[in-house]
Amino acid sequence: MLIAVATKTGREIDQHFGHAERFLIYNVDNATATLVDEKKVERYCTYDPEHPLRAHILANIAAALTGCRAIVCSQIGQAPREEMEGLGFPTFALAGEIGPALAELAKVL
């Protein structure tokens, strides 16, 4: 199964969903996570406390991540989480090394 990960380092789950400008795509099979792709996206957060839910940006992120079973990030706000889940992408806020975290997550997906 494919899982999208927001990461700054490429080793840890260490990026907030709204700050991600790319997602690394991993294929998780038999408790092994293998990097297979990278998808560049427009950043959701604008640091403007008055900004409304930017549904068009979330729709573009969903389109870029087509085929992924889930999205993993270090944090995600409630509104974008609900919108992404409505677009068919369960989101998980996790921490730690990517490989072991995805292997554990795959057990419940």
Foldseek 3Di string as FASTA:
>chain_A
DKEWAADDPLWKQEAEQQAGQKTFIWDADPLFTDTDDMFGADRQDPVDPPDDRPLVRLVRVCVRVPPHQEYEHQHYDPVSQVSNVVSRHHYYRDIDTDSNVVSVVVVVD
